[in-house]
Amino acid sequence: MNTPQVELDCLLKRLVGYEDVAEDIRSMFEERTTKMSEWHSVESAPEDVVVETKIDDTRGCWNEQEMRRRGRLWWYPDNSMYVYYEPTHWRRSQS
């Protein structure tokens, strides 16, 4: 399975003669990828969607892992168990 970047590169190689269009597509992809990797406050996390989470406090960034929120609890992606803390930030999963 190719990464989105590899698939984009393959697509752009097919746009021979349309370099200006290819550059616009690349710019939109990079902008979207950057926005997807931004961290958000945990209060805005979507319900029952696997996202990347972390705690970011005076001790630094720690407990970075994928989880899903259901109500006020945070669960492992397979719903096997909830964690005994609340993350401070989330972002869309990169996988």
PDB file of N, CA and C in Angstrom:
ATOM      1  N   MET A   1       0.846  -1.183   0.000  1.00  0.00           N
ATOM      2  CA  MET A   1       0.000   0.000   0.000  1.00  0.00           C
ATOM      3  C   MET A   1       0.889   1.242   0.000  1.00  0.00           C
ATOM      4  N   ASN A   2       0.681   2.114  -0.948  1.00  0.00           N
ATOM      5  CA  ASN A   2       1.471   3.329  -1.056  1.00  0.00           C
ATOM      6  C   ASN A   2       0.978   4.394  -0.093  1.00  0.00           C
ATOM      7  N   THR A   3       1.904   5.248   0.317  1.00  0.00           N
ATOM      8  CA  THR A   3       1.527   6.385   1.147  1.00  0.00           C
ATOM      9  C   THR A   3       0.865   7.436   0.265  1.00  0.00           C
ATOM     10  N   PRO A   4       0.105   8.353   0.853  1.00  0.00           N
ATOM     11  CA  PRO A   4      -0.505   9.420   0.045  1.00  0.00           C
ATOM     12  C   PRO A   4       0.532  10.218  -0.744  1.00  0.00           C
ATOM     13  N   GLN A   5       1.718  10.422  -0.167  1.00  0.00           N
ATOM     14  CA  GLN A   5       2.761  11.185  -0.865  1.00  0.00           C
ATOM     15  C   GLN A   5       3.228  10.451  -2.118  1.00  0.00           C
ATOM     16  N   VAL A   6       3.413   9.125  -2.029  1.00  0.00           N
ATOM     17  CA  VAL A   6       3.839   8.335  -3.185  1.00  0.00           C
ATOM     18  C   VAL A   6       2.765   8.357  -4.259  1.00  0.00           C
ATOM     19  N   GLU A   7       1.504   8.212  -3.863  1.00  0.00           N
ATOM     20  CA  GLU A   7       0.409   8.255  -4.827  1.00  0.00           C
ATOM     21  C   GLU A   7       0.320   9.617  -5.505  1.00  0.00           C
ATOM     22  N   LEU A   8       0.538  10.678  -4.733  1.00  0.00           N
ATOM     23  CA  LEU A   8       0.521  12.023  -5.306  1.00  0.00           C
ATOM     24  C   LEU A   8       1.637  12.174  -6.335  1.00  0.00           C
ATOM     25  N   ASP A   9       2.832  11.716  -5.994  1.00  0.00           N
ATOM     26  CA  ASP A   9       3.961  11.820  -6.922  1.00  0.00           C
ATOM     27  C   ASP A   9       3.680  11.067  -8.219  1.00  0.00           C
ATOM     28  N   CYS A  10       3.073   9.874  -8.132  1.00  0.00           N
ATOM     29  CA  CYS A  10       2.722   9.107  -9.333  1.00  0.00           C
ATOM     30  C   CYS A  10       1.708   9.870 -10.182  1.00  0.00           C
ATOM     31  N   LEU A  11       0.719  10.460  -9.551  1.00  0.00           N
ATOM     32  CA  LEU A  11      -0.292  11.229 -10.264  1.00  0.00           C
ATOM     33  C   LEU A  11       0.330  12.432 -10.964  1.00  0.00           C
ATOM     34  N   LEU A  12       1.193  13.145 -10.258  1.00  0.00           N
ATOM     35  CA  LEU A  12       1.784  14.355 -10.818  1.00  0.00           C
ATOM     36  C   LEU A  12       2.702  14.044 -12.005  1.00  0.00           C
ATOM     37  N   LYS A  13       3.342  12.881 -12.016  1.00  0.00           N
ATOM     38  CA  LYS A  13       4.188  12.495 -13.144  1.00  0.00           C
ATOM     39  C   LYS A  13       3.363  12.298 -14.411  1.00  0.00           C
ATOM     40  N   ARG A  14       2.093  11.974 -14.268  1.00  0.00           N
ATOM     41  CA  ARG A  14       1.211  11.782 -15.422  1.00  0.00           C
ATOM     42  C   ARG A  14       0.743  13.106 -16.026  1.00  0.00           C
ATOM     43  N   LEU A  15       0.937  14.197 -15.317  1.00  0.00           N
ATOM     44  CA  LEU A  15       0.463  15.500 -15.787  1.00  0.00           C
ATOM     45  C   LEU A  15       1.535  16.216 -16.614  1.00  0.00           C
ATOM     46  N   VAL A  16       2.174  15.490 -17.505  1.00  0.00           N
ATOM     47  CA  VAL A  16       3.193  16.083 -18.372  1.00  0.00           C
ATOM     48  C   VAL A  16       2.544  17.174 -19.226  1.00  0.00           C
ATOM     49  N   GLY A  17       3.156  18.339 -19.254  1.00  0.00           N
ATOM     50  CA  GLY A  17       2.605  19.454 -20.008  1.00  0.00           C
ATOM     51  C   GLY A  17       1.656  20.310 -19.185  1.00  0.00           C
ATOM     52  N   TYR A  18       1.327  19.879 -18.004  1.00  0.00           N
ATOM     53  CA  TYR A  18       0.425  20.639 -17.125  1.00  0.00           C
ATOM     54  C   TYR A  18       1.130  20.947 -15.807  1.00  0.00           C
ATOM     55  N   GLU A  19       2.367  21.402 -15.894  1.00  0.00           N
ATOM     56  CA  GLU A  19       3.176  21.627 -14.694  1.00  0.00           C
ATOM     57  C   GLU A  19       2.537  22.622 -13.730  1.00  0.00           C
ATOM     58  N   ASP A  20       1.860  23.655 -14.266  1.00  0.00           N
ATOM     59  CA  ASP A  20       1.228  24.641 -13.384  1.00  0.00           C
ATOM     60  C   ASP A  20       0.095  24.001 -12.580  1.00  0.00           C
ATOM     61  N   VAL A  21      -0.662  23.119 -13.207  1.00  0.00           N
ATOM     62  CA  VAL A  21      -1.732  22.403 -12.507  1.00  0.00           C
ATOM     63  C   VAL A  21      -1.125  21.455 -11.471  1.00  0.00           C
ATOM     64  N   ALA A  22      -0.061  20.764 -11.866  1.00  0.00           N
ATOM     65  CA  ALA A  22       0.605  19.841 -10.949  1.00  0.00           C
ATOM     66  C   ALA A  22       1.110  20.574  -9.705  1.00  0.00           C
ATOM     67  N   GLU A  23       1.676  21.783  -9.905  1.00  0.00           N
ATOM     68  CA  GLU A  23       2.175  22.553  -8.767  1.00  0.00           C
ATOM     69  C   GLU A  23       1.039  22.987  -7.847  1.00  0.00           C
ATOM     70  N   ASP A  24      -0.112  23.365  -8.421  1.00  0.00           N
ATOM     71  CA  ASP A  24      -1.286  23.728  -7.610  1.00  0.00           C
ATOM     72  C   ASP A  24      -1.759  22.536  -6.787  1.00  0.00           C
ATOM     73  N   ILE A  25      -1.784  21.365  -7.397  1.00  0.00           N
ATOM     74  CA  ILE A  25      -2.217  20.156  -6.686  1.00  0.00           C
ATOM     75  C   ILE A  25      -1.253  19.853  -5.549  1.00  0.00           C
ATOM     76  N   ARG A  26       0.051  19.942  -5.826  1.00  0.00           N
ATOM     77  CA  ARG A  26       1.046  19.687  -4.778  1.00  0.00           C
ATOM     78  C   ARG A  26       0.878  20.666  -3.617  1.00  0.00           C
ATOM     79  N   SER A  27       0.647  21.940  -3.914  1.00  0.00           N
ATOM     80  CA  SER A  27       0.472  22.944  -2.862  1.00  0.00           C
ATOM     81  C   SER A  27      -0.747  22.631  -2.003  1.00  0.00           C
ATOM     82  N   MET A  28      -1.856  22.267  -2.642  1.00  0.00           N
ATOM     83  CA  MET A  28      -3.069  21.932  -1.888  1.00  0.00           C
ATOM     84  C   MET A  28      -2.833  20.710  -1.006  1.00  0.00           C
ATOM     85  N   PHE A  29      -2.129  19.711  -1.520  1.00  0.00           N
ATOM     86  CA  PHE A  29      -1.833  18.502  -0.743  1.00  0.00           C
ATOM     87  C   PHE A  29      -0.987  18.848   0.479  1.00  0.00           C
ATOM     88  N   GLU A  30       0.069  19.634   0.279  1.00  0.00           N
ATOM     89  CA  GLU A  30       0.948  19.983   1.389  1.00  0.00           C
ATOM     90  C   GLU A  30       0.225  20.819   2.433  1.00  0.00           C
ATOM     91  N   GLU A  31      -0.643  21.729   1.997  1.00  0.00           N
ATOM     92  CA  GLU A  31      -1.416  22.534   2.938  1.00  0.00           C
ATOM     93  C   GLU A  31      -2.355  21.658   3.758  1.00  0.00           C
ATOM     94  N   ARG A  32      -3.027  20.731   3.092  1.00  0.00           N
ATOM     95  CA  ARG A  32      -3.958  19.834   3.785  1.00  0.00           C
ATOM     96  C   ARG A  32      -3.213  18.924   4.751  1.00  0.00           C
ATOM     97  N   THR A  33      -2.061  18.403   4.337  1.00  0.00           N
ATOM     98  CA  THR A  33      -1.264  17.528   5.190  1.00  0.00           C
ATOM     99  C   THR A  33      -0.793  18.273   6.423  1.00  0.00           C
ATOM    100  N   THR A  34      -0.375  19.523   6.255  1.00  0.00           N
ATOM    101  CA  THR A  34       0.068  20.327   7.395  1.00  0.00           C
ATOM    102  C   THR A  34      -1.078  20.547   8.370  1.00  0.00           C
ATOM    103  N   LYS A  35      -2.255  20.885   7.859  1.00  0.00           N
ATOM    104  CA  LYS A  35      -3.397  21.116   8.730  1.00  0.00           C
ATOM    105  C   LYS A  35      -3.790  19.850   9.483  1.00  0.00           C
ATOM    106  N   MET A  36      -3.687  18.684   8.820  1.00  0.00           N
ATOM    107  CA  MET A  36      -4.069  17.436   9.469  1.00  0.00           C
ATOM    108  C   MET A  36      -3.127  17.084  10.610  1.00  0.00           C
ATOM    109  N   SER A  37      -1.884  17.559  10.540  1.00  0.00           N
ATOM    110  CA  SER A  37      -0.926  17.184  11.572  1.00  0.00           C
ATOM    111  C   SER A  37      -0.929  18.152  12.760  1.00  0.00           C
ATOM    112  N   GLU A  38      -1.741  19.201  12.704  1.00  0.00           N
ATOM    113  CA  GLU A  38      -1.799  20.155  13.797  1.00  0.00           C
ATOM    114  C   GLU A  38      -2.513  19.556  15.006  1.00  0.00           C
ATOM    115  N   TRP A  39      -2.022  19.878  16.176  1.00  0.00           N
ATOM    116  CA  TRP A  39      -2.633  19.410  17.413  1.00  0.00           C
ATOM    117  C   TRP A  39      -3.753  20.356  17.828  1.00  0.00           C
ATOM    118  N   HIS A  40      -4.826  19.782  18.379  1.00  0.00           N
ATOM    119  CA  HIS A  40      -5.990  20.553  18.819  1.00  0.00           C
ATOM    120  C   HIS A  40      -6.253  20.272  20.293  1.00  0.00           C
ATOM    121  N   SER A  41      -6.942  21.189  20.932  1.00  0.00           N
ATOM    122  CA  SER A  41      -7.348  20.993  22.320  1.00  0.00           C
ATOM    123  C   SER A  41      -8.292  19.791  22.407  1.00  0.00           C
ATOM    124  N   VAL A  42      -8.170  19.027  23.458  1.00  0.00           N
ATOM    125  CA  VAL A  42      -8.909  17.769  23.579  1.00  0.00           C
ATOM    126  C   VAL A  42     -10.424  17.962  23.609  1.00  0.00           C
ATOM    127  N   GLU A  43     -10.886  19.141  23.988  1.00  0.00           N
ATOM    128  CA  GLU A  43     -12.325  19.389  24.046  1.00  0.00           C
ATOM    129  C   GLU A  43     -12.996  19.279  22.678  1.00  0.00           C
ATOM    130  N   SER A  44     -12.224  19.464  21.607  1.00  0.00           N
ATOM    131  CA  SER A  44     -12.801  19.429  20.262  1.00  0.00           C
ATOM    132  C   SER A  44     -12.640  18.066  19.580  1.00  0.00           C
ATOM    133  N   ALA A  45     -12.184  17.060  20.313  1.00  0.00           N
ATOM    134  CA  ALA A  45     -11.956  15.736  19.719  1.00  0.00           C
ATOM    135  C   ALA A  45     -13.267  15.102  19.259  1.00  0.00           C
ATOM    136  N   PRO A  46     -13.256  14.451  18.098  1.00  0.00           N
ATOM    137  CA  PRO A  46     -14.474  13.799  17.607  1.00  0.00           C
ATOM    138  C   PRO A  46     -14.831  12.574  18.448  1.00  0.00           C
ATOM    139  N   GLU A  47     -16.068  12.251  18.476  1.00  0.00           N
ATOM    140  CA  GLU A  47     -16.572  11.105  19.234  1.00  0.00           C
ATOM    141  C   GLU A  47     -16.359   9.808  18.447  1.00  0.00           C
ATOM    142  N   ASP A  48     -15.823   8.786  19.108  1.00  0.00           N
ATOM    143  CA  ASP A  48     -15.696   7.425  18.574  1.00  0.00           C
ATOM    144  C   ASP A  48     -14.908   7.348  17.256  1.00  0.00           C
ATOM    145  N   VAL A  49     -13.853   8.176  17.142  1.00  0.00           N
ATOM    146  CA  VAL A  49     -12.946   8.149  15.994  1.00  0.00           C
ATOM    147  C   VAL A  49     -11.536   7.983  16.538  1.00  0.00           C
ATOM    148  N   VAL A  50     -10.755   7.062  15.960  1.00  0.00           N
ATOM    149  CA  VAL A  50      -9.385   6.865  16.418  1.00  0.00           C
ATOM    150  C   VAL A  50      -8.546   8.064  15.988  1.00  0.00           C
ATOM    151  N   VAL A  51      -7.909   8.711  16.974  1.00  0.00           N
ATOM    152  CA  VAL A  51      -7.055   9.872  16.739  1.00  0.00           C
ATOM    153  C   VAL A  51      -5.762   9.698  17.530  1.00  0.00           C
ATOM    154  N   GLU A  52      -4.744  10.471  17.180  1.00  0.00           N
ATOM    155  CA  GLU A  52      -3.517  10.500  17.967  1.00  0.00           C
ATOM    156  C   GLU A  52      -3.740  11.455  19.138  1.00  0.00           C
ATOM    157  N   THR A  53      -3.256  11.065  20.310  1.00  0.00           N
ATOM    158  CA  THR A  53      -3.418  11.896  21.500  1.00  0.00           C
ATOM    159  C   THR A  53      -2.078  12.058  22.195  1.00  0.00           C
ATOM    160  N   LYS A  54      -2.011  13.073  23.053  1.00  0.00           N
ATOM    161  CA  LYS A  54      -0.812  13.275  23.867  1.00  0.00           C
ATOM    162  C   LYS A  54      -1.171  14.136  25.062  1.00  0.00           C
ATOM    163  N   ILE A  55      -0.302  14.114  26.033  1.00  0.00           N
ATOM    164  CA  ILE A  55      -0.350  15.070  27.135  1.00  0.00           C
ATOM    165  C   ILE A  55       0.825  16.011  26.921  1.00  0.00           C
ATOM    166  N   ASP A  56       0.548  17.299  26.911  1.00  0.00           N
ATOM    167  CA  ASP A  56       1.578  18.316  26.715  1.00  0.00           C
ATOM    168  C   ASP A  56       1.475  19.287  27.883  1.00  0.00           C
ATOM    169  N   ASP A  57       2.388  19.161  28.820  1.00  0.00           N
ATOM    170  CA  ASP A  57       2.353  20.013  30.001  1.00  0.00           C
ATOM    171  C   ASP A  57       3.764  20.462  30.351  1.00  0.00           C
ATOM    172  N   THR A  58       3.964  20.912  31.578  1.00  0.00           N
ATOM    173  CA  THR A  58       5.274  21.429  31.986  1.00  0.00           C
ATOM    174  C   THR A  58       6.354  20.354  31.950  1.00  0.00           C
ATOM    175  N   ARG A  59       5.973  19.084  31.987  1.00  0.00           N
ATOM    176  CA  ARG A  59       6.949  17.986  31.903  1.00  0.00           C
ATOM    177  C   ARG A  59       7.310  17.654  30.463  1.00  0.00           C
ATOM    178  N   GLY A  60       6.645  18.298  29.500  1.00  0.00           N
ATOM    179  CA  GLY A  60       6.898  18.024  28.088  1.00  0.00           C
ATOM    180  C   GLY A  60       5.736  17.258  27.477  1.00  0.00           C
ATOM    181  N   CYS A  61       6.005  16.604  26.343  1.00  0.00           N
ATOM    182  CA  CYS A  61       4.990  15.794  25.658  1.00  0.00           C
ATOM    183  C   CYS A  61       5.193  14.336  26.039  1.00  0.00           C
ATOM    184  N   TRP A  62       4.129  13.689  26.478  1.00  0.00           N
ATOM    185  CA  TRP A  62       4.228  12.292  26.871  1.00  0.00           C
ATOM    186  C   TRP A  62       2.887  11.601  26.671  1.00  0.00           C
ATOM    187  N   ASN A  63       2.872  10.302  26.855  1.00  0.00           N
ATOM    188  CA  ASN A  63       1.679   9.467  26.631  1.00  0.00           C
ATOM    189  C   ASN A  63       1.105   9.677  25.233  1.00  0.00           C
ATOM    190  N   GLU A  64       1.976   9.744  24.234  1.00  0.00           N
ATOM    191  CA  GLU A  64       1.510   9.868  22.857  1.00  0.00           C
ATOM    192  C   GLU A  64       1.068   8.502  22.364  1.00  0.00           C
ATOM    193  N   GLN A  65      -0.206   8.400  21.989  1.00  0.00           N
ATOM    194  CA  GLN A  65      -0.740   7.132  21.488  1.00  0.00           C
ATOM    195  C   GLN A  65      -2.074   7.357  20.784  1.00  0.00           C
ATOM    196  N   GLU A  66      -2.489   6.361  20.016  1.00  0.00           N
ATOM    197  CA  GLU A  66      -3.791   6.428  19.367  1.00  0.00           C
ATOM    198  C   GLU A  66      -4.867   5.971  20.344  1.00  0.00           C
ATOM    199  N   MET A  67      -5.954   6.724  20.369  1.00  0.00           N
ATOM    200  CA  MET A  67      -7.098   6.388  21.223  1.00  0.00           C
ATOM    201  C   MET A  67      -8.368   6.908  20.572  1.00  0.00           C
ATOM    202  N   ARG A  68      -9.491   6.514  21.139  1.00  0.00           N
ATOM    203  CA  ARG A  68     -10.783   7.041  20.700  1.00  0.00           C
ATOM    204  C   ARG A  68     -11.542   7.542  21.919  1.00  0.00           C
ATOM    205  N   ARG A  69     -12.279   8.642  21.735  1.00  0.00           N
ATOM    206  CA  ARG A  69     -13.049   9.234  22.834  1.00  0.00           C
ATOM    207  C   ARG A  69     -14.490   8.761  22.740  1.00  0.00           C
ATOM    208  N   ARG A  70     -15.018   8.341  23.879  1.00  0.00           N
ATOM    209  CA  ARG A  70     -16.448   8.028  23.985  1.00  0.00           C
ATOM    210  C   ARG A  70     -16.936   8.687  25.264  1.00  0.00           C
ATOM    211  N   GLY A  71     -17.706   9.748  25.074  1.00  0.00           N
ATOM    212  CA  GLY A  71     -18.114  10.535  26.242  1.00  0.00           C
ATOM    213  C   GLY A  71     -16.903  11.229  26.824  1.00  0.00           C
ATOM    214  N   ARG A  72     -16.715  11.084  28.120  1.00  0.00           N
ATOM    215  CA  ARG A  72     -15.548  11.697  28.765  1.00  0.00           C
ATOM    216  C   ARG A  72     -14.395  10.721  28.917  1.00  0.00           C
ATOM    217  N   LEU A  73     -14.572   9.485  28.487  1.00  0.00           N
ATOM    218  CA  LEU A  73     -13.512   8.487  28.625  1.00  0.00           C
ATOM    219  C   LEU A  73     -12.749   8.313  27.320  1.00  0.00           C
ATOM    220  N   TRP A  74     -11.468   7.984  27.447  1.00  0.00           N
ATOM    221  CA  TRP A  74     -10.604   7.705  26.306  1.00  0.00           C
ATOM    222  C   TRP A  74     -10.242   6.230  26.312  1.00  0.00           C
ATOM    223  N   TRP A  75     -10.471   5.569  25.179  1.00  0.00           N
ATOM    224  CA  TRP A  75     -10.299   4.127  25.040  1.00  0.00           C
ATOM    225  C   TRP A  75      -9.177   3.797  24.068  1.00  0.00           C
ATOM    226  N   TYR A  76      -8.577   2.608  24.268  1.00  0.00           N
ATOM    227  CA  TYR A  76      -7.644   2.086  23.262  1.00  0.00           C
ATOM    228  C   TYR A  76      -8.416   1.881  21.960  1.00  0.00           C
ATOM    229  N   PRO A  77      -7.736   1.921  20.809  1.00  0.00           N
ATOM    230  CA  PRO A  77      -8.449   1.799  19.527  1.00  0.00           C
ATOM    231  C   PRO A  77      -9.324   0.553  19.406  1.00  0.00           C
ATOM    232  N   ASP A  78      -8.921  -0.545  20.067  1.00  0.00           N
ATOM    233  CA  ASP A  78      -9.708  -1.782  19.969  1.00  0.00           C
ATOM    234  C   ASP A  78     -10.817  -1.854  21.021  1.00  0.00           C
ATOM    235  N   ASN A  79     -11.027  -0.755  21.762  1.00  0.00           N
ATOM    236  CA  ASN A  79     -12.061  -0.669  22.812  1.00  0.00           C
ATOM    237  C   ASN A  79     -11.860  -1.654  23.955  1.00  0.00           C
ATOM    238  N   SER A  80     -10.645  -2.171  24.121  1.00  0.00           N
ATOM    239  CA  SER A  80     -10.408  -3.171  25.161  1.00  0.00           C
ATOM    240  C   SER A  80     -10.382  -2.571  26.569  1.00  0.00           C
ATOM    241  N   MET A  81     -10.019  -1.281  26.670  1.00  0.00           N
ATOM    242  CA  MET A  81      -9.879  -0.688  27.999  1.00  0.00           C
ATOM    243  C   MET A  81      -9.791   0.820  27.868  1.00  0.00           C
ATOM    244  N   TYR A  82     -10.300   1.535  28.867  1.00  0.00           N
ATOM    245  CA  TYR A  82     -10.123   2.976  28.867  1.00  0.00           C
ATOM    246  C   TYR A  82      -8.918   3.331  29.723  1.00  0.00           C
ATOM    247  N   VAL A  83      -8.356   4.519  29.506  1.00  0.00           N
ATOM    248  CA  VAL A  83      -7.175   4.943  30.253  1.00  0.00           C
ATOM    249  C   VAL A  83      -7.610   5.789  31.439  1.00  0.00           C
ATOM    250  N   TYR A  84      -6.738   5.858  32.430  1.00  0.00           N
ATOM    251  CA  TYR A  84      -7.057   6.560  33.670  1.00  0.00           C
ATOM    252  C   TYR A  84      -6.511   7.990  33.674  1.00  0.00           C
ATOM    253  N   TYR A  85      -6.516   8.613  32.530  1.00  0.00           N
ATOM    254  CA  TYR A  85      -6.110  10.009  32.424  1.00  0.00           C
ATOM    255  C   TYR A  85      -6.827  10.609  31.218  1.00  0.00           C
ATOM    256  N   GLU A  86      -6.783  11.939  31.108  1.00  0.00           N
ATOM    257  CA  GLU A  86      -7.359  12.602  29.948  1.00  0.00           C
ATOM    258  C   GLU A  86      -6.228  13.295  29.195  1.00  0.00           C
ATOM    259  N   PRO A  87      -6.065  13.005  27.908  1.00  0.00           N
ATOM    260  CA  PRO A  87      -5.036  13.708  27.138  1.00  0.00           C
ATOM    261  C   PRO A  87      -5.360  15.201  27.057  1.00  0.00           C
ATOM    262  N   THR A  88      -4.363  15.982  26.703  1.00  0.00           N
ATOM    263  CA  THR A  88      -4.588  17.416  26.560  1.00  0.00           C
ATOM    264  C   THR A  88      -4.777  17.829  25.103  1.00  0.00           C
ATOM    265  N   HIS A  89      -4.269  17.001  24.161  1.00  0.00           N
ATOM    266  CA  HIS A  89      -4.327  17.359  22.745  1.00  0.00           C
ATOM    267  C   HIS A  89      -4.616  16.140  21.881  1.00  0.00           C
ATOM    268  N   TRP A  90      -5.144  16.399  20.692  1.00  0.00           N
ATOM    269  CA  TRP A  90      -5.407  15.338  19.719  1.00  0.00           C
ATOM    270  C   TRP A  90      -5.150  15.886  18.312  1.00  0.00           C
ATOM    271  N   ARG A  91      -4.944  14.953  17.374  1.00  0.00           N
ATOM    272  CA  ARG A  91      -4.876  15.296  15.945  1.00  0.00           C
ATOM    273  C   ARG A  91      -5.323  14.076  15.167  1.00  0.00           C
ATOM    274  N   ARG A  92      -5.665  14.301  13.902  1.00  0.00           N
ATOM    275  CA  ARG A  92      -6.083  13.182  13.036  1.00  0.00           C
ATOM    276  C   ARG A  92      -4.960  12.168  12.972  1.00  0.00           C
ATOM    277  N   SER A  93      -5.342  10.910  12.984  1.00  0.00           N
ATOM    278  CA  SER A  93      -4.362   9.834  12.909  1.00  0.00           C
ATOM    279  C   SER A  93      -3.648   9.868  11.567  1.00  0.00           C
ATOM    280  N   GLN A  94      -2.336   9.715  11.574  1.00  0.00           N
ATOM    281  CA  GLN A  94      -1.544   9.751  10.361  1.00  0.00           C
ATOM    282  C   GLN A  94      -1.499   8.415   9.645  1.00  0.00           C
ATOM    283  N   SER A  95      -2.016   7.377  10.286  1.00  0.00           N
ATOM    284  CA  SER A  95      -1.959   6.047   9.667  1.00  0.00           C
ATOM    285  C   SER A  95      -3.176   5.759   8.809  1.00  0.00           C
TER     286      SER A  95
END
